[in-house]
């Protein structure tokens, strides 16, 4: 009988479509988090490098913060980064090994993806340590 299965295709589509859409939204969210994580790691690396070539701690801190903000803005992340810079290496005597540590934290919005159980945002952080030239005047 060909007319008996007429409604089964519609019923299957009603059941399967939301599951597929939720799965697609989860893949998009995971992709956003991965891309944002890479951008935040790159921002931390750039900020640490900019801080390590400065001559004093105040300039290092300023350079690191502006570098991290510029890197994240260039990547298109819509977040206000929290940048912490450890410049204690500048206090070490000239000729000894020292480094600058930069930590960047950013909250990525996921609120435009409507997925049950998915938080509206996800906080990512990265840190990078860059050596200070031991023979540079500090």
Protein backbone atom coordinates (compact mmCIF):
# COMPACT_ATOMS: atom_id res chain seq x y z
CA UNK A 1 0.00 0.00 0.00
CA UNK A 2 1.68 3.23 -1.10
CA UNK A 3 -0.51 5.63 0.92
CA UNK A 4 0.27 4.17 4.38
CA UNK A 5 3.75 5.80 4.78
CA UNK A 6 2.76 9.30 3.61
CA UNK A 7 3.25 11.09 6.97
CA UNK A 8 6.38 9.24 8.09
CA UNK A 9 8.81 11.43 6.10
CA UNK A 10 7.38 14.59 7.66
CA UNK A 11 7.59 13.08 11.12
CA UNK A 12 11.21 12.05 10.57
CA UNK A 13 12.11 15.55 9.39
CA UNK A 14 10.44 17.11 12.45
CA UNK A 15 12.47 14.87 14.75
CA UNK A 16 15.83 15.02 12.94
CA UNK A 17 15.96 18.71 11.92
CA UNK A 18 16.30 20.22 15.45
CA UNK A 19 18.98 17.70 16.34
CA UNK A 20 20.96 18.56 13.21
CA UNK A 21 20.59 22.31 13.84
CA UNK A 22 21.79 21.93 17.45
CA UNK A 23 24.75 19.87 16.27
CA UNK A 24 25.60 22.56 13.70
CA UNK A 25 25.40 25.29 16.37
CA UNK A 26 27.75 23.29 18.63
CA UNK A 27 30.26 22.95 15.78
CA UNK A 28 30.09 26.71 15.15
CA UNK A 29 30.59 27.44 18.87
CA UNK A 30 33.58 25.09 19.06
CA UNK A 31 35.09 26.74 15.98
CA UNK A 32 34.66 30.20 17.46
CA UNK A 33 36.30 29.14 20.69
CA UNK A 34 39.24 27.57 18.83
CA UNK A 35 39.78 30.63 16.63
CA UNK A 36 39.48 32.99 19.60
CA UNK A 37 41.93 30.86 21.58
CA UNK A 38 44.51 31.08 18.80
CA UNK A 39 44.01 34.83 18.55
CA UNK A 40 44.44 35.28 22.30
CA UNK A 41 47.63 33.18 22.28
CA UNK A 42 49.00 35.29 19.42
CA UNK A 43 48.09 38.48 21.30
CA UNK A 44 49.92 37.25 24.41
CA UNK A 45 52.98 36.35 22.35
CA UNK A 46 53.03 39.74 20.59
CA UNK A 47 52.50 41.59 23.86
CA UNK A 48 55.33 39.73 25.59
CA UNK A 49 57.67 40.45 22.70
CA UNK A 50 56.80 44.15 22.74
CA UNK A 51 57.33 44.27 26.50
CA UNK A 52 60.68 42.47 26.31
CA UNK A 53 62.23 45.03 23.95
CA UNK A 54 61.29 48.01 26.13
CA UNK A 55 63.92 49.75 28.25
CA UNK A 56 61.91 50.14 31.48
CA UNK A 57 58.98 48.44 33.22
CA UNK A 58 56.47 51.27 32.66
CA UNK A 59 57.11 51.34 28.92
CA UNK A 60 57.04 47.53 28.82
CA UNK A 61 53.63 47.45 30.51
CA UNK A 62 52.24 50.15 28.21
CA UNK A 63 53.61 48.48 25.06
CA UNK A 64 52.26 45.07 26.10
CA UNK A 65 48.74 46.32 26.78
CA UNK A 66 48.50 48.31 23.56
CA UNK A 67 49.96 45.43 21.54
CA UNK A 68 47.48 42.91 22.97
CA UNK A 69 44.53 45.22 22.33
CA UNK A 70 45.66 45.92 18.76
CA UNK A 71 46.22 42.22 18.01
CA UNK A 72 42.77 41.23 19.25
CA UNK A 73 41.11 44.11 17.44
CA UNK A 74 42.89 43.14 14.22
CA UNK A 75 41.57 39.58 14.62
CA UNK A 76 38.04 40.94 15.01
CA UNK A 77 37.42 39.71 18.56
CA UNK A 78 34.78 41.79 20.30
CA UNK A 79 36.09 41.63 23.84
CA UNK A 80 37.85 43.83 26.34
CA UNK A 81 41.07 42.00 27.15
CA UNK A 82 42.49 41.90 30.64
CA UNK A 83 46.26 42.08 30.28
CA UNK A 84 48.62 41.49 33.18
CA UNK A 85 52.34 42.08 32.73
CA UNK A 86 55.03 40.79 35.08
CA UNK A 87 57.99 43.13 34.63
CA UNK A 88 59.96 41.97 37.68
CA UNK A 89 62.71 40.78 35.31
CA UNK A 90 63.71 44.39 34.70
CA UNK A 91 64.92 44.59 38.31
CA UNK A 92 67.52 41.87 37.76
CA UNK A 93 71.13 42.98 37.27
CA UNK A 94 72.44 43.52 33.75
CA UNK A 95 74.12 40.39 32.40
CA UNK A 96 71.72 37.97 34.09
CA UNK A 97 68.85 36.16 32.46
CA UNK A 98 65.45 37.79 32.86
CA UNK A 99 62.09 37.62 31.18
CA UNK A 100 58.72 39.31 30.91
CA UNK A 101 55.50 37.35 31.43
CA UNK A 102 52.25 38.52 29.84
CA UNK A 103 48.85 37.00 30.53
CA UNK A 104 45.85 37.89 28.37
CA UNK A 105 42.29 37.02 29.36
CA UNK A 106 39.26 37.65 27.17
CA UNK A 107 35.58 36.70 27.35
CA UNK A 108 34.16 35.58 24.00
CA UNK A 109 30.42 36.03 23.46
CA UNK A 110 28.39 33.04 22.31
CA UNK A 111 25.00 34.58 23.06
CA UNK A 112 23.97 34.75 19.40
CA UNK A 113 24.08 30.94 19.20
CA UNK A 114 20.88 29.62 20.74
CA UNK A 115 21.80 26.19 22.04
CA UNK A 116 20.23 24.62 25.11
CA UNK A 117 22.84 24.28 27.84
CA UNK A 118 25.40 26.52 26.08
CA UNK A 119 26.65 29.43 28.20
CA UNK A 120 26.33 32.94 26.80
CA UNK A 121 30.09 33.49 26.95
CA UNK A 122 33.35 31.66 27.42
CA UNK A 123 36.48 33.09 29.05
CA UNK A 124 39.80 32.21 27.45
CA UNK A 125 43.28 33.04 28.65
CA UNK A 126 46.83 32.64 27.43
CA UNK A 127 50.26 33.54 28.72
CA UNK A 128 53.65 33.93 27.12
CA UNK A 129 57.12 34.57 28.51
CA UNK A 130 59.70 36.45 26.45
CA UNK A 131 63.36 36.87 27.41
CA UNK A 132 64.86 40.26 28.05
CA UNK A 133 68.25 40.84 26.39
CA UNK A 134 70.74 40.40 29.27
CA UNK A 135 73.08 43.05 27.86
CA UNK A 136 70.46 45.70 27.12
CA UNK A 137 70.54 48.72 29.40
CA UNK A 138 67.68 48.58 31.85
